[in-house]
Amino acid sequence: YSITAQSTFNDLQDLREQILRVKDTEDVPMILVGNKCDLEDERVVGKDQGVNLAKNFDCAFLESSAKAKINVNEIFYDLV
């Protein structure tokens, strides 16, 4: 999700449910990623919201910035 767009965060529960339904299992590797962390001054989704949702999903959480190359590799390392 984008930390600068609340709607992207709001859609995560439905998106996760769709993935689990298609995979037909609860055991799907996932990492919750808040992207665009380089745009802190435009943040509308708090880091605590991401942390709490990741706990609810029982998955890891990272914030990243593709533009600034922050935590991009770590996302894939953690997933694998």
PDB file of N, CA and C in Angstrom:
ATOM      1  N   TYR A   1       0.837  -1.172   0.000  1.00  0.00           N
ATOM      2  CA  TYR A   1       0.000   0.000   0.000  1.00  0.00           C
ATOM      3  C   TYR A   1       0.882   1.236   0.000  1.00  0.00           C
ATOM      4  N   SER A   2       0.291   2.352  -0.363  1.00  0.00           N
ATOM      5  CA  SER A   2       1.015   3.622  -0.348  1.00  0.00           C
ATOM      6  C   SER A   2       0.730   4.341   0.963  1.00  0.00           C
ATOM      7  N   ILE A   3       1.784   4.781   1.634  1.00  0.00           N
ATOM      8  CA  ILE A   3       1.570   5.504   2.894  1.00  0.00           C
ATOM      9  C   ILE A   3       0.922   6.861   2.648  1.00  0.00           C
ATOM     10  N   THR A   4       0.826   7.266   1.378  1.00  0.00           N
ATOM     11  CA  THR A   4       0.239   8.567   1.037  1.00  0.00           C
ATOM     12  C   THR A   4      -1.201   8.455   0.545  1.00  0.00           C
ATOM     13  N   ALA A   5      -1.772   7.241   0.565  1.00  0.00           N
ATOM     14  CA  ALA A   5      -3.136   7.041   0.062  1.00  0.00           C
ATOM     15  C   ALA A   5      -3.899   6.080   0.973  1.00  0.00           C
ATOM     16  N   GLN A   6      -4.804   6.612   1.765  1.00  0.00           N
ATOM     17  CA  GLN A   6      -5.582   5.802   2.711  1.00  0.00           C
ATOM     18  C   GLN A   6      -6.356   4.693   2.013  1.00  0.00           C
ATOM     19  N   SER A   7      -6.859   4.959   0.815  1.00  0.00           N
ATOM     20  CA  SER A   7      -7.665   3.959   0.107  1.00  0.00           C
ATOM     21  C   SER A   7      -6.877   2.685  -0.178  1.00  0.00           C
ATOM     22  N   THR A   8      -5.579   2.802  -0.433  1.00  0.00           N
ATOM     23  CA  THR A   8      -4.769   1.610  -0.703  1.00  0.00           C
ATOM     24  C   THR A   8      -4.639   0.754   0.553  1.00  0.00           C
ATOM     25  N   PHE A   9      -4.577   1.384   1.699  1.00  0.00           N
ATOM     26  CA  PHE A   9      -4.525   0.660   2.971  1.00  0.00           C
ATOM     27  C   PHE A   9      -5.880   0.025   3.272  1.00  0.00           C
ATOM     28  N   ASN A  10      -6.941   0.766   3.008  1.00  0.00           N
ATOM     29  CA  ASN A  10      -8.289   0.277   3.297  1.00  0.00           C
ATOM     30  C   ASN A  10      -8.647  -0.969   2.489  1.00  0.00           C
ATOM     31  N   ASP A  11      -8.038  -1.141   1.326  1.00  0.00           N
ATOM     32  CA  ASP A  11      -8.344  -2.274   0.449  1.00  0.00           C
ATOM     33  C   ASP A  11      -7.625  -3.559   0.840  1.00  0.00           C
ATOM     34  N   LEU A  12      -6.711  -3.504   1.796  1.00  0.00           N
ATOM     35  CA  LEU A  12      -5.846  -4.645   2.089  1.00  0.00           C
ATOM     36  C   LEU A  12      -6.585  -5.866   2.628  1.00  0.00           C
ATOM     37  N   GLN A  13      -7.561  -5.678   3.484  1.00  0.00           N
ATOM     38  CA  GLN A  13      -8.291  -6.820   4.043  1.00  0.00           C
ATOM     39  C   GLN A  13      -8.967  -7.610   2.928  1.00  0.00           C
ATOM     40  N   ASP A  14      -9.654  -6.913   2.029  1.00  0.00           N
ATOM     41  CA  ASP A  14     -10.321  -7.591   0.916  1.00  0.00           C
ATOM     42  C   ASP A  14      -9.312  -8.270  -0.003  1.00  0.00           C
ATOM     43  N   LEU A  15      -8.205  -7.604  -0.269  1.00  0.00           N
ATOM     44  CA  LEU A  15      -7.171  -8.172  -1.132  1.00  0.00           C
ATOM     45  C   LEU A  15      -6.599  -9.451  -0.529  1.00  0.00           C
ATOM     46  N   ARG A  16      -6.327  -9.416   0.762  1.00  0.00           N
ATOM     47  CA  ARG A  16      -5.799 -10.609   1.445  1.00  0.00           C
ATOM     48  C   ARG A  16      -6.803 -11.755   1.388  1.00  0.00           C
ATOM     49  N   GLU A  17      -8.072 -11.460   1.619  1.00  0.00           N
ATOM     50  CA  GLU A  17      -9.101 -12.495   1.567  1.00  0.00           C
ATOM     51  C   GLU A  17      -9.195 -13.109   0.177  1.00  0.00           C
ATOM     52  N   GLN A  18      -9.070 -12.298  -0.859  1.00  0.00           N
ATOM     53  CA  GLN A  18      -9.093 -12.815  -2.231  1.00  0.00           C
ATOM     54  C   GLN A  18      -7.915 -13.752  -2.478  1.00  0.00           C
ATOM     55  N   ILE A  19      -6.735 -13.357  -2.032  1.00  0.00           N
ATOM     56  CA  ILE A  19      -5.546 -14.196  -2.209  1.00  0.00           C
ATOM     57  C   ILE A  19      -5.730 -15.535  -1.502  1.00  0.00           C
ATOM     58  N   LEU A  20      -6.188 -15.503  -0.265  1.00  0.00           N
ATOM     59  CA  LEU A  20      -6.369 -16.739   0.498  1.00  0.00           C
ATOM     60  C   LEU A  20      -7.440 -17.627  -0.126  1.00  0.00           C
ATOM     61  N   ARG A  21      -8.480 -17.024  -0.670  1.00  0.00           N
ATOM     62  CA  ARG A  21      -9.544 -17.793  -1.315  1.00  0.00           C
ATOM     63  C   ARG A  21      -9.014 -18.485  -2.582  1.00  0.00           C
ATOM     64  N   VAL A  22      -8.261 -17.762  -3.385  1.00  0.00           N
ATOM     65  CA  VAL A  22      -7.716 -18.331  -4.618  1.00  0.00           C
ATOM     66  C   VAL A  22      -6.703 -19.430  -4.312  1.00  0.00           C
ATOM     67  N   LYS A  23      -5.855 -19.202  -3.321  1.00  0.00           N
ATOM     68  CA  LYS A  23      -4.841 -20.195  -2.954  1.00  0.00           C
ATOM     69  C   LYS A  23      -5.445 -21.361  -2.176  1.00  0.00           C
ATOM     70  N   ASP A  24      -6.646 -21.176  -1.635  1.00  0.00           N
ATOM     71  CA  ASP A  24      -7.364 -22.199  -0.886  1.00  0.00           C
ATOM     72  C   ASP A  24      -6.566 -22.714   0.312  1.00  0.00           C
ATOM     73  N   THR A  25      -5.868 -21.785   0.972  1.00  0.00           N
ATOM     74  CA  THR A  25      -5.117 -22.115   2.179  1.00  0.00           C
ATOM     75  C   THR A  25      -4.867 -20.835   2.966  1.00  0.00           C
ATOM     76  N   GLU A  26      -4.658 -20.991   4.247  1.00  0.00           N
ATOM     77  CA  GLU A  26      -4.295 -19.853   5.094  1.00  0.00           C
ATOM     78  C   GLU A  26      -2.781 -19.668   5.150  1.00  0.00           C
ATOM     79  N   ASP A  27      -2.047 -20.651   4.625  1.00  0.00           N
ATOM     80  CA  ASP A  27      -0.589 -20.655   4.716  1.00  0.00           C
ATOM     81  C   ASP A  27       0.038 -20.079   3.439  1.00  0.00           C
ATOM     82  N   VAL A  28      -0.096 -18.776   3.262  1.00  0.00           N
ATOM     83  CA  VAL A  28       0.465 -18.082   2.104  1.00  0.00           C
ATOM     84  C   VAL A  28       1.490 -17.074   2.623  1.00  0.00           C
ATOM     85  N   PRO A  29       2.743 -17.186   2.174  1.00  0.00           N
ATOM     86  CA  PRO A  29       3.755 -16.224   2.629  1.00  0.00           C
ATOM     87  C   PRO A  29       3.379 -14.802   2.212  1.00  0.00           C
ATOM     88  N   MET A  30       3.384 -13.899   3.172  1.00  0.00           N
ATOM     89  CA  MET A  30       3.035 -12.506   2.890  1.00  0.00           C
ATOM     90  C   MET A  30       3.907 -11.572   3.703  1.00  0.00           C
ATOM     91  N   ILE A  31       4.141 -10.407   3.129  1.00  0.00           N
ATOM     92  CA  ILE A  31       4.770  -9.299   3.836  1.00  0.00           C
ATOM     93  C   ILE A  31       3.923  -8.075   3.544  1.00  0.00           C
ATOM     94  N   LEU A  32       3.564  -7.362   4.564  1.00  0.00           N
ATOM     95  CA  LEU A  32       2.829  -6.120   4.383  1.00  0.00           C
ATOM     96  C   LEU A  32       3.843  -4.997   4.193  1.00  0.00           C
ATOM     97  N   VAL A  33       3.724  -4.282   3.074  1.00  0.00           N
ATOM     98  CA  VAL A  33       4.699  -3.247   2.736  1.00  0.00           C
ATOM     99  C   VAL A  33       4.001  -1.907   2.559  1.00  0.00           C
ATOM    100  N   GLY A  34       4.452  -0.937   3.347  1.00  0.00           N
ATOM    101  CA  GLY A  34       4.023   0.445   3.166  1.00  0.00           C
ATOM    102  C   GLY A  34       5.045   1.138   2.279  1.00  0.00           C
ATOM    103  N   ASN A  35       4.648   1.469   1.062  1.00  0.00           N
ATOM    104  CA  ASN A  35       5.575   2.057   0.098  1.00  0.00           C
ATOM    105  C   ASN A  35       5.535   3.586   0.161  1.00  0.00           C
ATOM    106  N   LYS A  36       6.537   4.190  -0.417  1.00  0.00           N
ATOM    107  CA  LYS A  36       6.701   5.647  -0.512  1.00  0.00           C
ATOM    108  C   LYS A  36       7.109   6.272   0.819  1.00  0.00           C
ATOM    109  N   CYS A  37       7.898   5.553   1.608  1.00  0.00           N
ATOM    110  CA  CYS A  37       8.312   6.095   2.904  1.00  0.00           C
ATOM    111  C   CYS A  37       9.218   7.313   2.753  1.00  0.00           C
ATOM    112  N   ASP A  38       9.667   7.597   1.543  1.00  0.00           N
ATOM    113  CA  ASP A  38      10.445   8.810   1.294  1.00  0.00           C
ATOM    114  C   ASP A  38       9.562  10.059   1.280  1.00  0.00           C
ATOM    115  N   LEU A  39       8.247   9.865   1.250  1.00  0.00           N
ATOM    116  CA  LEU A  39       7.301  10.986   1.215  1.00  0.00           C
ATOM    117  C   LEU A  39       6.649  11.192   2.580  1.00  0.00           C
ATOM    118  N   GLU A  40       7.456  11.245   3.609  1.00  0.00           N
ATOM    119  CA  GLU A  40       6.971  11.356   4.990  1.00  0.00           C
ATOM    120  C   GLU A  40       6.045  12.557   5.183  1.00  0.00           C
ATOM    121  N   ASP A  41       6.333  13.650   4.520  1.00  0.00           N
ATOM    122  CA  ASP A  41       5.507  14.854   4.679  1.00  0.00           C
ATOM    123  C   ASP A  41       4.126  14.706   4.040  1.00  0.00           C
ATOM    124  N   GLU A  42       3.929  13.656   3.226  1.00  0.00           N
ATOM    125  CA  GLU A  42       2.629  13.398   2.598  1.00  0.00           C
ATOM    126  C   GLU A  42       1.922  12.195   3.223  1.00  0.00           C
ATOM    127  N   ARG A  43       2.486  11.645   4.297  1.00  0.00           N
ATOM    128  CA  ARG A  43       1.951  10.442   4.941  1.00  0.00           C
ATOM    129  C   ARG A  43       0.531  10.673   5.451  1.00  0.00           C
ATOM    130  N   VAL A  44      -0.352   9.718   5.129  1.00  0.00           N
ATOM    131  CA  VAL A  44      -1.703   9.713   5.695  1.00  0.00           C
ATOM    132  C   VAL A  44      -1.995   8.406   6.433  1.00  0.00           C
ATOM    133  N   VAL A  45      -1.196   7.366   6.177  1.00  0.00           N
ATOM    134  CA  VAL A  45      -1.338   6.089   6.878  1.00  0.00           C
ATOM    135  C   VAL A  45      -0.173   5.967   7.853  1.00  0.00           C
ATOM    136  N   GLY A  46      -0.489   5.931   9.135  1.00  0.00           N
ATOM    137  CA  GLY A  46       0.547   5.858  10.160  1.00  0.00           C
ATOM    138  C   GLY A  46       1.273   4.525  10.158  1.00  0.00           C
ATOM    139  N   LYS A  47       2.540   4.557  10.535  1.00  0.00           N
ATOM    140  CA  LYS A  47       3.325   3.324  10.620  1.00  0.00           C
ATOM    141  C   LYS A  47       2.681   2.351  11.599  1.00  0.00           C
ATOM    142  N   ASP A  48       2.117   2.875  12.681  1.00  0.00           N
ATOM    143  CA  ASP A  48       1.452   2.022  13.666  1.00  0.00           C
ATOM    144  C   ASP A  48       0.274   1.273  13.060  1.00  0.00           C
ATOM    145  N   GLN A  49      -0.410   1.879  12.098  1.00  0.00           N
ATOM    146  CA  GLN A  49      -1.513   1.194  11.424  1.00  0.00           C
ATOM    147  C   GLN A  49      -0.986  -0.019  10.651  1.00  0.00           C
ATOM    148  N   GLY A  50       0.131   0.149   9.974  1.00  0.00           N
ATOM    149  CA  GLY A  50       0.743  -0.960   9.245  1.00  0.00           C
ATOM    150  C   GLY A  50       1.201  -2.061  10.175  1.00  0.00           C
ATOM    151  N   VAL A  51       1.858  -1.675  11.261  1.00  0.00           N
ATOM    152  CA  VAL A  51       2.337  -2.652  12.244  1.00  0.00           C
ATOM    153  C   VAL A  51       1.166  -3.453  12.807  1.00  0.00           C
ATOM    154  N   ASN A  52       0.099  -2.777  13.172  1.00  0.00           N
ATOM    155  CA  ASN A  52      -1.064  -3.456  13.754  1.00  0.00           C
ATOM    156  C   ASN A  52      -1.742  -4.387  12.759  1.00  0.00           C
ATOM    157  N   LEU A  53      -1.861  -3.950  11.504  1.00  0.00           N
ATOM    158  CA  LEU A  53      -2.492  -4.809  10.501  1.00  0.00           C
ATOM    159  C   LEU A  53      -1.622  -6.031  10.217  1.00  0.00           C
ATOM    160  N   ALA A  54      -0.314  -5.846  10.177  1.00  0.00           N
ATOM    161  CA  ALA A  54       0.595  -6.976   9.968  1.00  0.00           C
ATOM    162  C   ALA A  54       0.460  -7.985  11.108  1.00  0.00           C
ATOM    163  N   LYS A  55       0.313  -7.506  12.331  1.00  0.00           N
ATOM    164  CA  LYS A  55       0.087  -8.415  13.464  1.00  0.00           C
ATOM    165  C   LYS A  55      -1.214  -9.176  13.271  1.00  0.00           C
ATOM    166  N   ASN A  56      -2.246  -8.472  12.821  1.00  0.00           N
ATOM    167  CA  ASN A  56      -3.538  -9.096  12.563  1.00  0.00           C
ATOM    168  C   ASN A  56      -3.430 -10.151  11.462  1.00  0.00           C
ATOM    169  N   PHE A  57      -2.636  -9.862  10.434  1.00  0.00           N
ATOM    170  CA  PHE A  57      -2.432 -10.797   9.322  1.00  0.00           C
ATOM    171  C   PHE A  57      -1.400 -11.870   9.668  1.00  0.00           C
ATOM    172  N   ASP A  58      -0.714 -11.725  10.796  1.00  0.00           N
ATOM    173  CA  ASP A  58       0.371 -12.623  11.208  1.00  0.00           C
ATOM    174  C   ASP A  58       1.463 -12.686  10.137  1.00  0.00           C
ATOM    175  N   CYS A  59       1.915 -11.490   9.731  1.00  0.00           N
ATOM    176  CA  CYS A  59       2.970 -11.419   8.722  1.00  0.00           C
ATOM    177  C   CYS A  59       3.950 -10.308   9.089  1.00  0.00           C
ATOM    178  N   ALA A  60       5.056 -10.284   8.381  1.00  0.00           N
ATOM    179  CA  ALA A  60       6.068  -9.248   8.594  1.00  0.00           C
ATOM    180  C   ALA A  60       5.583  -7.911   8.031  1.00  0.00           C
ATOM    181  N   PHE A  61       6.224  -6.841   8.491  1.00  0.00           N
ATOM    182  CA  PHE A  61       5.887  -5.496   8.016  1.00  0.00           C
ATOM    183  C   PHE A  61       7.162  -4.714   7.756  1.00  0.00           C
ATOM    184  N   LEU A  62       7.187  -4.023   6.639  1.00  0.00           N
ATOM    185  CA  LEU A  62       8.286  -3.118   6.300  1.00  0.00           C
ATOM    186  C   LEU A  62       7.728  -1.887   5.619  1.00  0.00           C
ATOM    187  N   GLU A  63       8.418  -0.788   5.780  1.00  0.00           N
ATOM    188  CA  GLU A  63       8.134   0.377   4.953  1.00  0.00           C
ATOM    189  C   GLU A  63       9.271   0.497   3.955  1.00  0.00           C
ATOM    190  N   SER A  64       8.937   0.948   2.756  1.00  0.00           N
ATOM    191  CA  SER A  64       9.925   0.989   1.689  1.00  0.00           C
ATOM    192  C   SER A  64       9.741   2.225   0.822  1.00  0.00           C
ATOM    193  N   SER A  65      10.738   2.425  -0.015  1.00  0.00           N
ATOM    194  CA  SER A  65      10.651   3.427  -1.070  1.00  0.00           C
ATOM    195  C   SER A  65      11.350   2.865  -2.292  1.00  0.00           C
ATOM    196  N   ALA A  66      10.579   2.591  -3.325  1.00  0.00           N
ATOM    197  CA  ALA A  66      11.184   2.120  -4.568  1.00  0.00           C
ATOM    198  C   ALA A  66      12.052   3.226  -5.164  1.00  0.00           C
ATOM    199  N   LYS A  67      11.571   4.444  -5.077  1.00  0.00           N
ATOM    200  CA  LYS A  67      12.299   5.587  -5.639  1.00  0.00           C
ATOM    201  C   LYS A  67      13.651   5.789  -4.957  1.00  0.00           C
ATOM    202  N   ALA A  68      13.661   5.735  -3.633  1.00  0.00           N
ATOM    203  CA  ALA A  68      14.896   5.961  -2.870  1.00  0.00           C
ATOM    204  C   ALA A  68      15.647   4.654  -2.575  1.00  0.00           C
ATOM    205  N   LYS A  69      15.128   3.545  -3.072  1.00  0.00           N
ATOM    206  CA  LYS A  69      15.744   2.223  -2.875  1.00  0.00           C
ATOM    207  C   LYS A  69      15.914   1.869  -1.394  1.00  0.00           C
ATOM    208  N   ILE A  70      14.867   2.135  -0.621  1.00  0.00           N
ATOM    209  CA  ILE A  70      14.865   1.821   0.805  1.00  0.00           C
ATOM    210  C   ILE A  70      14.092   0.522   1.027  1.00  0.00           C
ATOM    211  N   ASN A  71      14.749  -0.477   1.601  1.00  0.00           N
ATOM    212  CA  ASN A  71      14.152  -1.772   1.966  1.00  0.00           C
ATOM    213  C   ASN A  71      13.600  -2.576   0.793  1.00  0.00           C
ATOM    214  N   VAL A  72      13.950  -2.224  -0.433  1.00  0.00           N
ATOM    215  CA  VAL A  72      13.432  -2.966  -1.588  1.00  0.00           C
ATOM    216  C   VAL A  72      13.965  -4.399  -1.581  1.00  0.00           C
ATOM    217  N   ASN A  73      15.254  -4.565  -1.453  1.00  0.00           N
ATOM    218  CA  ASN A  73      15.826  -5.915  -1.420  1.00  0.00           C
ATOM    219  C   ASN A  73      15.375  -6.684  -0.189  1.00  0.00           C
ATOM    220  N   GLU A  74      15.260  -6.001   0.936  1.00  0.00           N
ATOM    221  CA  GLU A  74      14.861  -6.655   2.190  1.00  0.00           C
ATOM    222  C   GLU A  74      13.486  -7.305   2.081  1.00  0.00           C
ATOM    223  N   ILE A  75      12.594  -6.695   1.331  1.00  0.00           N
ATOM    224  CA  ILE A  75      11.254  -7.266   1.147  1.00  0.00           C
ATOM    225  C   ILE A  75      11.367  -8.661   0.551  1.00  0.00           C
ATOM    226  N   PHE A  76      12.157  -8.779  -0.497  1.00  0.00           N
ATOM    227  CA  PHE A  76      12.296 -10.066  -1.172  1.00  0.00           C
ATOM    228  C   PHE A  76      13.100 -11.060  -0.344  1.00  0.00           C
ATOM    229  N   TYR A  77      14.125 -10.585   0.357  1.00  0.00           N
ATOM    230  CA  TYR A  77      14.897 -11.470   1.228  1.00  0.00           C
ATOM    231  C   TYR A  77      14.009 -12.043   2.324  1.00  0.00           C
ATOM    232  N   ASP A  78      13.175 -11.203   2.918  1.00  0.00           N
ATOM    233  CA  ASP A  78      12.291 -11.662   3.990  1.00  0.00           C
ATOM    234  C   ASP A  78      11.252 -12.653   3.480  1.00  0.00           C
ATOM    235  N   LEU A  79      10.770 -12.441   2.284  1.00  0.00           N
ATOM    236  CA  LEU A  79       9.732 -13.308   1.731  1.00  0.00           C
ATOM    237  C   LEU A  79      10.278 -14.686   1.392  1.00  0.00           C
ATOM    238  N   VAL A  80      11.499 -14.716   0.898  1.00  0.00           N
ATOM    239  CA  VAL A  80      12.125 -15.986   0.513  1.00  0.00           C
ATOM    240  C   VAL A  80      12.766 -16.591   1.735  1.00  0.00           C
TER     241      VAL A  80
END
